[in-house]
């Protein structure tokens, strides 16, 4: 993955960790934490789209994509918030689970970076055993799109099948 995406993921993970610390430390009520987390997700998904497309300003396509990604993440966050309010999670579980949301930027960035292609799936879209931890990417070459296995990641069988199925028409 590109360095800009890694930087965004690390920054969002840090912000979500800070918010989780505020929640478990009592500085934030669950509803406040939920809203702040959702806002951070929206901000960082917009930044991932901009970085992926090489744009400086969010366009209508970006707004649509970011809103769809946030709606998807909000469903998970709602269930997370319910578990927090029910005291079903330990402090460690809250910290780990909060950090997981940062990896969702991979899909937004990948969709933006391949804008205009009609690809069947994207890294981190949840359609593989590695879920959002996918280290793969798309590469356009020779008129097709190739699912590229990341050089520094261990790959699940699903990603290997996707790579073996290359090239894909976009």
N, C-alpha and C. Protein backbone atom coordinates (compact mmCIF):
# COMPACT_ATOMS: atom_id res chain seq x y z
N UNK A 1 0.84 -1.18 0.00
CA UNK A 1 0.00 0.00 0.00
C UNK A 1 0.89 1.25 0.00
N UNK A 2 0.39 2.30 -0.57
CA UNK A 2 1.16 3.54 -0.63
C UNK A 2 1.40 4.14 0.76
N UNK A 3 2.48 4.85 0.86
CA UNK A 3 2.85 5.47 2.13
C UNK A 3 1.77 6.43 2.63
N UNK A 4 1.15 7.18 1.72
CA UNK A 4 0.11 8.13 2.14
C UNK A 4 -1.04 7.40 2.81
N UNK A 5 -1.41 6.23 2.30
CA UNK A 5 -2.48 5.46 2.92
C UNK A 5 -2.05 4.93 4.27
N UNK A 6 -0.84 4.41 4.36
CA UNK A 6 -0.33 3.93 5.65
C UNK A 6 -0.33 5.05 6.69
N UNK A 7 0.05 6.25 6.27
CA UNK A 7 0.07 7.40 7.16
C UNK A 7 -1.33 7.73 7.66
N UNK A 8 -2.31 7.69 6.76
CA UNK A 8 -3.70 7.95 7.16
C UNK A 8 -4.20 6.89 8.13
N UNK A 9 -3.91 5.64 7.84
CA UNK A 9 -4.35 4.55 8.72
C UNK A 9 -3.74 4.71 10.11
N UNK A 10 -2.45 5.00 10.15
CA UNK A 10 -1.78 5.19 11.45
C UNK A 10 -2.37 6.37 12.22
N UNK A 11 -2.64 7.46 11.52
CA UNK A 11 -3.19 8.65 12.18
C UNK A 11 -4.61 8.38 12.70
N UNK A 12 -5.41 7.70 11.90
CA UNK A 12 -6.77 7.39 12.36
C UNK A 12 -6.72 6.42 13.53
N UNK A 13 -5.85 5.43 13.46
CA UNK A 13 -5.72 4.48 14.57
C UNK A 13 -5.36 5.22 15.86
N UNK A 14 -4.46 6.20 15.77
CA UNK A 14 -4.07 6.98 16.94
C UNK A 14 -5.25 7.81 17.46
N UNK A 15 -5.99 8.43 16.56
CA UNK A 15 -7.14 9.23 16.99
C UNK A 15 -8.21 8.36 17.63
N UNK A 16 -8.47 7.21 17.03
CA UNK A 16 -9.47 6.30 17.60
C UNK A 16 -9.01 5.76 18.96
N UNK A 17 -7.71 5.54 19.11
CA UNK A 17 -7.16 5.12 20.40
C UNK A 17 -7.35 6.20 21.45
N UNK A 18 -7.13 7.44 21.06
CA UNK A 18 -7.33 8.57 21.97
C UNK A 18 -8.79 8.65 22.41
N UNK A 19 -9.69 8.50 21.46
CA UNK A 19 -11.13 8.54 21.78
C UNK A 19 -11.52 7.38 22.68
N UNK A 20 -10.98 6.19 22.41
CA UNK A 20 -11.28 5.02 23.25
C UNK A 20 -10.76 5.24 24.67
N UNK A 21 -9.59 5.85 24.79
CA UNK A 21 -9.06 6.15 26.12
C UNK A 21 -9.98 7.12 26.86
N UNK A 22 -10.53 8.10 26.13
CA UNK A 22 -11.48 9.02 26.73
C UNK A 22 -12.74 8.33 27.20
N UNK A 23 -13.17 7.34 26.43
CA UNK A 23 -14.35 6.57 26.80
C UNK A 23 -14.11 5.76 28.06
N UNK A 24 -13.04 4.97 28.05
CA UNK A 24 -12.80 4.09 29.20
C UNK A 24 -12.34 4.88 30.43
N UNK A 25 -11.79 6.07 30.21
CA UNK A 25 -11.37 6.91 31.33
C UNK A 25 -12.49 7.77 31.89
N UNK A 26 -13.67 7.71 31.26
CA UNK A 26 -14.82 8.46 31.75
C UNK A 26 -14.91 9.89 31.28
N UNK A 27 -13.97 10.35 30.44
CA UNK A 27 -14.04 11.72 29.93
C UNK A 27 -15.11 11.86 28.85
N UNK A 28 -15.45 10.75 28.20
CA UNK A 28 -16.48 10.75 27.15
C UNK A 28 -17.57 9.75 27.52
N UNK A 29 -18.80 10.18 27.37
CA UNK A 29 -19.92 9.26 27.51
C UNK A 29 -20.04 8.45 26.22
N UNK A 30 -20.65 7.28 26.26
CA UNK A 30 -20.73 6.45 25.04
C UNK A 30 -21.29 7.19 23.82
N UNK A 31 -22.32 8.00 24.00
CA UNK A 31 -22.89 8.72 22.86
C UNK A 31 -21.90 9.74 22.30
N UNK A 32 -21.17 10.43 23.18
CA UNK A 32 -20.16 11.40 22.73
C UNK A 32 -19.03 10.69 21.99
N UNK A 33 -18.58 9.57 22.55
CA UNK A 33 -17.52 8.78 21.92
C UNK A 33 -17.98 8.28 20.56
N UNK A 34 -19.21 7.77 20.50
CA UNK A 34 -19.77 7.27 19.24
C UNK A 34 -19.75 8.37 18.18
N UNK A 35 -20.27 9.55 18.52
CA UNK A 35 -20.34 10.65 17.56
C UNK A 35 -18.95 11.12 17.13
N UNK A 36 -18.03 11.22 18.07
CA UNK A 36 -16.66 11.65 17.73
C UNK A 36 -15.97 10.61 16.86
N UNK A 37 -16.21 9.33 17.14
CA UNK A 37 -15.62 8.26 16.33
C UNK A 37 -16.18 8.30 14.92
N UNK A 38 -17.48 8.47 14.80
CA UNK A 38 -18.11 8.56 13.48
C UNK A 38 -17.58 9.75 12.69
N UNK A 39 -17.37 10.88 13.36
CA UNK A 39 -16.83 12.06 12.69
C UNK A 39 -15.40 11.81 12.22
N UNK A 40 -14.60 11.18 13.07
CA UNK A 40 -13.22 10.86 12.67
C UNK A 40 -13.22 9.94 11.46
N UNK A 41 -14.09 8.95 11.48
CA UNK A 41 -14.18 8.04 10.33
C UNK A 41 -14.55 8.81 9.06
N UNK A 42 -15.51 9.70 9.15
CA UNK A 42 -15.91 10.48 7.98
C UNK A 42 -14.75 11.34 7.47
N UNK A 43 -14.06 11.99 8.37
CA UNK A 43 -12.93 12.85 7.98
C UNK A 43 -11.83 12.04 7.30
N UNK A 44 -11.48 10.90 7.87
CA UNK A 44 -10.39 10.11 7.33
C UNK A 44 -10.78 9.35 6.06
N UNK A 45 -12.03 8.95 5.93
CA UNK A 45 -12.45 8.32 4.68
C UNK A 45 -12.44 9.35 3.55
N UNK A 46 -12.83 10.57 3.86
CA UNK A 46 -12.74 11.64 2.85
C UNK A 46 -11.28 11.86 2.45
N UNK A 47 -10.39 11.87 3.43
CA UNK A 47 -8.96 12.05 3.13
C UNK A 47 -8.41 10.88 2.31
N UNK A 48 -8.86 9.67 2.60
CA UNK A 48 -8.41 8.50 1.83
C UNK A 48 -8.89 8.60 0.39
N UNK A 49 -10.11 9.04 0.19
CA UNK A 49 -10.64 9.24 -1.17
C UNK A 49 -9.79 10.28 -1.91
N UNK A 50 -9.55 11.41 -1.26
CA UNK A 50 -8.77 12.47 -1.90
C UNK A 50 -7.37 11.98 -2.27
N UNK A 51 -6.74 11.26 -1.35
CA UNK A 51 -5.39 10.74 -1.62
C UNK A 51 -5.42 9.73 -2.76
N UNK A 52 -6.41 8.87 -2.76
CA UNK A 52 -6.51 7.84 -3.80
C UNK A 52 -6.75 8.42 -5.18
N UNK A 53 -7.55 9.47 -5.25
CA UNK A 53 -7.87 10.11 -6.53
C UNK A 53 -6.87 11.20 -6.90
N UNK A 54 -6.06 11.63 -5.94
CA UNK A 54 -5.13 12.72 -6.21
C UNK A 54 -5.84 14.06 -6.32
N UNK A 55 -6.91 14.21 -5.57
CA UNK A 55 -7.69 15.45 -5.59
C UNK A 55 -7.42 16.27 -4.33
N UNK A 56 -7.76 17.54 -4.41
CA UNK A 56 -7.62 18.41 -3.24
C UNK A 56 -8.96 18.72 -2.60
N UNK A 57 -10.04 18.48 -3.33
CA UNK A 57 -11.37 18.82 -2.83
C UNK A 57 -12.32 17.66 -3.13
N UNK A 58 -13.18 17.37 -2.19
CA UNK A 58 -14.13 16.29 -2.35
C UNK A 58 -15.15 16.66 -3.43
N UNK A 59 -15.32 15.78 -4.41
CA UNK A 59 -16.30 15.99 -5.46
C UNK A 59 -17.57 15.19 -5.14
N UNK A 60 -18.57 15.28 -6.00
CA UNK A 60 -19.84 14.59 -5.76
C UNK A 60 -19.64 13.08 -5.69
N UNK A 61 -18.79 12.53 -6.55
CA UNK A 61 -18.51 11.10 -6.50
C UNK A 61 -17.89 10.71 -5.17
N UNK A 62 -16.99 11.53 -4.69
CA UNK A 62 -16.34 11.27 -3.42
C UNK A 62 -17.32 11.34 -2.26
N UNK A 63 -18.20 12.32 -2.29
CA UNK A 63 -19.21 12.43 -1.24
C UNK A 63 -20.07 11.16 -1.19
N UNK A 64 -20.47 10.70 -2.37
CA UNK A 64 -21.31 9.50 -2.44
C UNK A 64 -20.57 8.28 -1.89
N UNK A 65 -19.32 8.12 -2.30
CA UNK A 65 -18.53 6.98 -1.84
C UNK A 65 -18.28 7.06 -0.33
N UNK A 66 -17.88 8.22 0.14
CA UNK A 66 -17.59 8.38 1.57
C UNK A 66 -18.84 8.15 2.40
N UNK A 67 -19.97 8.68 1.97
CA UNK A 67 -21.21 8.46 2.72
C UNK A 67 -21.58 6.98 2.77
N UNK A 68 -21.36 6.26 1.67
CA UNK A 68 -21.65 4.82 1.66
C UNK A 68 -20.70 4.07 2.60
N UNK A 69 -19.44 4.44 2.59
CA UNK A 69 -18.47 3.79 3.47
C UNK A 69 -18.80 4.07 4.93
N UNK A 70 -19.19 5.30 5.23
CA UNK A 70 -19.51 5.67 6.60
C UNK A 70 -20.79 4.97 7.05
N UNK A 71 -21.76 4.86 6.18
CA UNK A 71 -22.98 4.13 6.53
C UNK A 71 -22.66 2.68 6.89
N UNK A 72 -21.76 2.08 6.13
CA UNK A 72 -21.34 0.71 6.42
C UNK A 72 -20.64 0.63 7.78
N UNK A 73 -19.72 1.53 8.02
CA UNK A 73 -18.98 1.54 9.28
C UNK A 73 -19.90 1.89 10.46
N UNK A 74 -20.89 2.74 10.22
CA UNK A 74 -21.82 3.13 11.29
C UNK A 74 -22.59 1.92 11.82
N UNK A 75 -22.91 0.98 10.94
CA UNK A 75 -23.59 -0.23 11.41
C UNK A 75 -22.75 -1.00 12.40
N UNK A 76 -21.47 -1.14 12.09
CA UNK A 76 -20.56 -1.82 13.02
C UNK A 76 -20.39 -1.01 14.31
N UNK A 77 -20.26 0.31 14.15
CA UNK A 77 -20.06 1.17 15.31
C UNK A 77 -21.28 1.16 16.22
N UNK A 78 -22.47 1.09 15.64
CA UNK A 78 -23.68 1.03 16.47
C UNK A 78 -23.67 -0.21 17.36
N UNK A 79 -23.28 -1.35 16.78
CA UNK A 79 -23.21 -2.58 17.57
C UNK A 79 -22.10 -2.49 18.62
N UNK A 80 -21.00 -1.87 18.27
CA UNK A 80 -19.90 -1.65 19.20
C UNK A 80 -20.37 -0.79 20.38
N UNK A 81 -21.07 0.29 20.05
CA UNK A 81 -21.57 1.19 21.09
C UNK A 81 -22.56 0.46 22.00
N UNK A 82 -23.42 -0.36 21.42
CA UNK A 82 -24.35 -1.15 22.24
C UNK A 82 -23.60 -2.04 23.22
N UNK A 83 -22.52 -2.67 22.75
CA UNK A 83 -21.72 -3.55 23.62
C UNK A 83 -21.03 -2.75 24.71
N UNK A 84 -20.56 -1.54 24.38
CA UNK A 84 -19.94 -0.66 25.39
C UNK A 84 -20.97 -0.30 26.45
N UNK A 85 -22.15 0.13 26.01
CA UNK A 85 -23.19 0.55 26.95
C UNK A 85 -23.67 -0.60 27.84
N UNK A 86 -23.60 -1.82 27.32
CA UNK A 86 -24.01 -3.00 28.09
C UNK A 86 -22.88 -3.52 28.98
N UNK A 87 -21.72 -2.85 28.95
CA UNK A 87 -20.54 -3.29 29.71
C UNK A 87 -20.13 -4.71 29.36
N UNK A 88 -20.25 -5.05 28.07
CA UNK A 88 -19.89 -6.39 27.60
C UNK A 88 -18.42 -6.51 27.19
N UNK A 89 -17.68 -5.40 27.20
CA UNK A 89 -16.31 -5.41 26.70
C UNK A 89 -15.34 -4.94 27.78
N UNK A 90 -14.16 -5.56 27.78
CA UNK A 90 -13.09 -5.12 28.68
C UNK A 90 -12.43 -3.88 28.09
N UNK A 91 -11.62 -3.22 28.87
CA UNK A 91 -10.86 -2.06 28.39
C UNK A 91 -9.98 -2.48 27.20
N UNK A 92 -9.33 -3.62 27.30
CA UNK A 92 -8.47 -4.11 26.21
C UNK A 92 -9.28 -4.38 24.95
N UNK A 93 -10.45 -4.98 25.10
CA UNK A 93 -11.29 -5.26 23.94
C UNK A 93 -11.75 -3.97 23.26
N UNK A 94 -12.07 -2.97 24.05
CA UNK A 94 -12.48 -1.68 23.49
C UNK A 94 -11.32 -1.08 22.70
N UNK A 95 -10.13 -1.11 23.25
CA UNK A 95 -8.96 -0.53 22.57
C UNK A 95 -8.69 -1.23 21.25
N UNK A 96 -8.69 -2.54 21.26
CA UNK A 96 -8.41 -3.30 20.03
C UNK A 96 -9.50 -3.06 19.00
N UNK A 97 -10.73 -3.16 19.43
CA UNK A 97 -11.85 -3.03 18.49
C UNK A 97 -11.90 -1.62 17.90
N UNK A 98 -11.60 -0.61 18.67
CA UNK A 98 -11.59 0.76 18.16
C UNK A 98 -10.54 0.91 17.06
N UNK A 99 -9.38 0.34 17.26
CA UNK A 99 -8.31 0.45 16.28
C UNK A 99 -8.59 -0.24 14.96
N UNK A 100 -9.45 -1.24 14.98
CA UNK A 100 -9.76 -2.00 13.77
C UNK A 100 -10.39 -1.10 12.70
N UNK A 101 -11.13 -0.11 13.11
CA UNK A 101 -11.82 0.75 12.15
C UNK A 101 -10.86 1.47 11.20
N UNK A 102 -9.63 1.70 11.63
CA UNK A 102 -8.67 2.41 10.78
C UNK A 102 -8.37 1.64 9.50
N UNK A 103 -8.37 0.32 9.57
CA UNK A 103 -8.07 -0.48 8.39
C UNK A 103 -9.12 -0.34 7.30
N UNK A 104 -10.32 0.14 7.65
CA UNK A 104 -11.37 0.30 6.63
C UNK A 104 -11.02 1.35 5.59
N UNK A 105 -10.02 2.16 5.85
CA UNK A 105 -9.59 3.17 4.87
C UNK A 105 -9.04 2.52 3.60
N UNK A 106 -8.55 1.29 3.70
CA UNK A 106 -7.99 0.61 2.52
C UNK A 106 -8.99 0.53 1.38
N UNK A 107 -10.22 0.20 1.72
CA UNK A 107 -11.23 0.05 0.67
C UNK A 107 -11.56 1.38 0.03
N UNK A 108 -11.72 2.41 0.82
CA UNK A 108 -12.02 3.73 0.26
C UNK A 108 -10.89 4.20 -0.64
N UNK A 109 -9.65 4.06 -0.16
CA UNK A 109 -8.51 4.49 -0.97
C UNK A 109 -8.45 3.68 -2.27
N UNK A 110 -8.63 2.37 -2.19
CA UNK A 110 -8.55 1.51 -3.36
C UNK A 110 -9.64 1.83 -4.38
N UNK A 111 -10.84 2.06 -3.90
CA UNK A 111 -11.93 2.43 -4.82
C UNK A 111 -11.62 3.75 -5.51
N UNK A 112 -11.05 4.69 -4.78
CA UNK A 112 -10.69 5.98 -5.36
C UNK A 112 -9.53 5.85 -6.35
N UNK A 113 -8.53 5.06 -5.99
CA UNK A 113 -7.35 4.90 -6.85
C UNK A 113 -7.67 4.19 -8.16
N UNK A 114 -8.73 3.42 -8.17
CA UNK A 114 -9.13 2.69 -9.39
C UNK A 114 -10.39 3.30 -10.00
N UNK A 115 -10.63 4.58 -9.70
CA UNK A 115 -11.85 5.25 -10.10
C UNK A 115 -12.10 5.08 -11.60
N UNK A 116 -13.34 4.74 -11.93
CA UNK A 116 -13.72 4.57 -13.33
C UNK A 116 -13.70 3.11 -13.76
N UNK A 117 -12.98 2.29 -13.02
CA UNK A 117 -12.96 0.85 -13.32
C UNK A 117 -14.13 0.19 -12.59
N UNK A 118 -14.72 -0.77 -13.21
CA UNK A 118 -15.83 -1.49 -12.59
C UNK A 118 -15.29 -2.84 -12.11
N UNK A 119 -14.61 -2.81 -10.98
CA UNK A 119 -13.94 -4.00 -10.47
C UNK A 119 -14.87 -4.80 -9.55
N UNK A 120 -14.67 -6.11 -9.49
CA UNK A 120 -15.60 -6.96 -8.73
C UNK A 120 -15.42 -6.91 -7.22
N UNK A 121 -14.28 -6.44 -6.75
CA UNK A 121 -14.00 -6.39 -5.31
C UNK A 121 -12.80 -5.50 -5.08
N UNK A 122 -12.56 -5.19 -3.81
CA UNK A 122 -11.49 -4.27 -3.45
C UNK A 122 -10.78 -4.76 -2.20
N UNK A 123 -9.50 -4.42 -2.05
CA UNK A 123 -8.79 -4.79 -0.82
C UNK A 123 -9.51 -4.26 0.42
N UNK A 124 -9.66 -5.12 1.39
CA UNK A 124 -10.27 -4.71 2.64
C UNK A 124 -11.78 -4.63 2.62
N UNK A 125 -12.42 -5.16 1.58
CA UNK A 125 -13.87 -5.03 1.47
C UNK A 125 -14.64 -6.05 2.29
N UNK A 126 -13.93 -6.92 3.01
CA UNK A 126 -14.59 -7.92 3.84
C UNK A 126 -14.94 -9.20 3.12
N UNK A 127 -14.63 -9.28 1.84
CA UNK A 127 -14.98 -10.46 1.05
C UNK A 127 -13.93 -11.56 1.07
N UNK A 128 -12.89 -11.39 1.86
CA UNK A 128 -11.85 -12.41 1.96
C UNK A 128 -11.65 -12.77 3.43
N UNK A 129 -10.96 -13.88 3.65
CA UNK A 129 -10.70 -14.31 5.03
C UNK A 129 -9.88 -13.29 5.81
N UNK A 130 -9.06 -12.49 5.11
CA UNK A 130 -8.25 -11.48 5.80
C UNK A 130 -9.05 -10.22 6.11
N UNK A 131 -10.28 -10.17 5.64
CA UNK A 131 -11.20 -9.06 5.90
C UNK A 131 -10.55 -7.73 5.55
N UNK A 132 -10.53 -6.79 6.48
CA UNK A 132 -10.00 -5.46 6.18
C UNK A 132 -8.48 -5.38 6.32
N UNK A 133 -7.85 -6.46 6.71
CA UNK A 133 -6.40 -6.46 6.86
C UNK A 133 -5.68 -6.84 5.58
N UNK A 134 -6.41 -6.87 4.51
CA UNK A 134 -5.86 -7.24 3.21
C UNK A 134 -4.70 -6.31 2.84
N UNK A 135 -3.61 -6.90 2.40
CA UNK A 135 -2.46 -6.11 1.97
C UNK A 135 -2.31 -6.08 0.47
N UNK A 136 -3.36 -6.47 -0.24
CA UNK A 136 -3.32 -6.53 -1.70
C UNK A 136 -3.69 -5.18 -2.31
N UNK A 137 -3.54 -5.10 -3.61
CA UNK A 137 -3.89 -3.87 -4.33
C UNK A 137 -4.22 -4.22 -5.78
N UNK A 138 -4.80 -3.27 -6.46
CA UNK A 138 -5.07 -3.40 -7.88
C UNK A 138 -3.96 -2.71 -8.67
N UNK A 139 -3.63 -3.30 -9.82
CA UNK A 139 -2.67 -2.68 -10.73
C UNK A 139 -3.22 -2.80 -12.14
N UNK A 140 -3.24 -1.69 -12.84
CA UNK A 140 -3.71 -1.68 -14.23
C UNK A 140 -2.51 -1.90 -15.14
N UNK A 141 -2.65 -2.90 -16.02
CA UNK A 141 -1.59 -3.12 -17.01
C UNK A 141 -2.14 -3.98 -18.15
N UNK A 142 -1.68 -3.67 -19.35
CA UNK A 142 -2.08 -4.44 -20.52
C UNK A 142 -3.57 -4.47 -20.78
N UNK A 143 -4.28 -3.42 -20.41
CA UNK A 143 -5.71 -3.35 -20.66
C UNK A 143 -6.56 -4.08 -19.63
N UNK A 144 -5.94 -4.65 -18.61
CA UNK A 144 -6.70 -5.34 -17.58
C UNK A 144 -6.26 -4.89 -16.20
N UNK A 145 -6.96 -5.39 -15.20
CA UNK A 145 -6.65 -5.07 -13.81
C UNK A 145 -6.17 -6.34 -13.13
N UNK A 146 -5.04 -6.23 -12.46
CA UNK A 146 -4.42 -7.37 -11.79
C UNK A 146 -4.51 -7.20 -10.28
N UNK A 147 -4.95 -8.27 -9.61
CA UNK A 147 -4.99 -8.30 -8.15
C UNK A 147 -3.58 -8.65 -7.71
N UNK A 148 -2.93 -7.70 -7.04
CA UNK A 148 -1.54 -7.88 -6.66
C UNK A 148 -1.43 -8.21 -5.17
N UNK A 149 -0.74 -9.29 -4.88
CA UNK A 149 -0.49 -9.66 -3.49
C UNK A 149 0.57 -8.72 -2.92
N UNK A 150 0.34 -8.22 -1.72
CA UNK A 150 1.29 -7.31 -1.09
C UNK A 150 2.59 -8.02 -0.77
N UNK A 151 3.68 -7.33 -0.96
CA UNK A 151 5.01 -7.94 -0.79
C UNK A 151 5.33 -8.28 0.67
N UNK A 152 4.74 -7.57 1.60
CA UNK A 152 5.12 -7.76 3.00
C UNK A 152 4.02 -8.39 3.85
N UNK A 153 3.02 -8.95 3.21
CA UNK A 153 1.90 -9.54 3.95
C UNK A 153 1.82 -11.04 3.71
N UNK A 154 1.29 -11.72 4.70
CA UNK A 154 0.93 -13.11 4.50
C UNK A 154 -0.48 -13.07 3.90
N UNK A 155 -0.73 -13.92 2.92
CA UNK A 155 -1.99 -13.82 2.19
C UNK A 155 -2.92 -14.98 2.46
N UNK A 156 -4.20 -14.65 2.54
CA UNK A 156 -5.21 -15.68 2.74
C UNK A 156 -5.45 -16.39 1.39
N UNK A 157 -6.10 -17.53 1.47
CA UNK A 157 -6.39 -18.29 0.26
C UNK A 157 -7.28 -17.50 -0.69
N UNK A 158 -8.21 -16.72 -0.15
CA UNK A 158 -9.11 -15.93 -1.00
C UNK A 158 -8.34 -14.94 -1.86
N UNK A 159 -7.35 -14.28 -1.27
CA UNK A 159 -6.55 -13.32 -2.03
C UNK A 159 -5.71 -14.02 -3.09
N UNK A 160 -5.22 -15.21 -2.76
CA UNK A 160 -4.46 -15.96 -3.76
C UNK A 160 -5.35 -16.33 -4.95
N UNK A 161 -6.60 -16.70 -4.67
CA UNK A 161 -7.55 -17.02 -5.74
C UNK A 161 -7.82 -15.78 -6.58
N UNK A 162 -7.99 -14.63 -5.92
CA UNK A 162 -8.20 -13.38 -6.67
C UNK A 162 -6.99 -13.07 -7.56
N UNK A 163 -5.80 -13.25 -7.04
CA UNK A 163 -4.60 -13.01 -7.83
C UNK A 163 -4.52 -13.98 -9.02
N UNK A 164 -4.83 -15.25 -8.76
CA UNK A 164 -4.79 -16.25 -9.84
C UNK A 164 -5.83 -15.96 -10.91
N UNK A 165 -6.90 -15.26 -10.56
CA UNK A 165 -7.94 -14.93 -11.52
C UNK A 165 -7.64 -13.71 -12.37
N UNK A 166 -6.51 -13.08 -12.13
CA UNK A 166 -6.14 -11.88 -12.90
C UNK A 166 -5.77 -12.27 -14.32
N UNK A 167 -6.00 -11.39 -15.26
CA UNK A 167 -6.52 -10.04 -15.14
C UNK A 167 -8.04 -10.01 -15.12
N UNK A 168 -8.57 -8.92 -14.58
CA UNK A 168 -10.00 -8.66 -14.54
C UNK A 168 -10.29 -7.48 -15.46
N UNK A 169 -11.44 -7.50 -16.09
CA UNK A 169 -11.83 -6.35 -16.88
C UNK A 169 -12.38 -5.29 -15.97
N UNK A 170 -12.08 -4.06 -16.28
CA UNK A 170 -12.55 -2.97 -15.45
C UNK A 170 -13.48 -2.15 -16.22
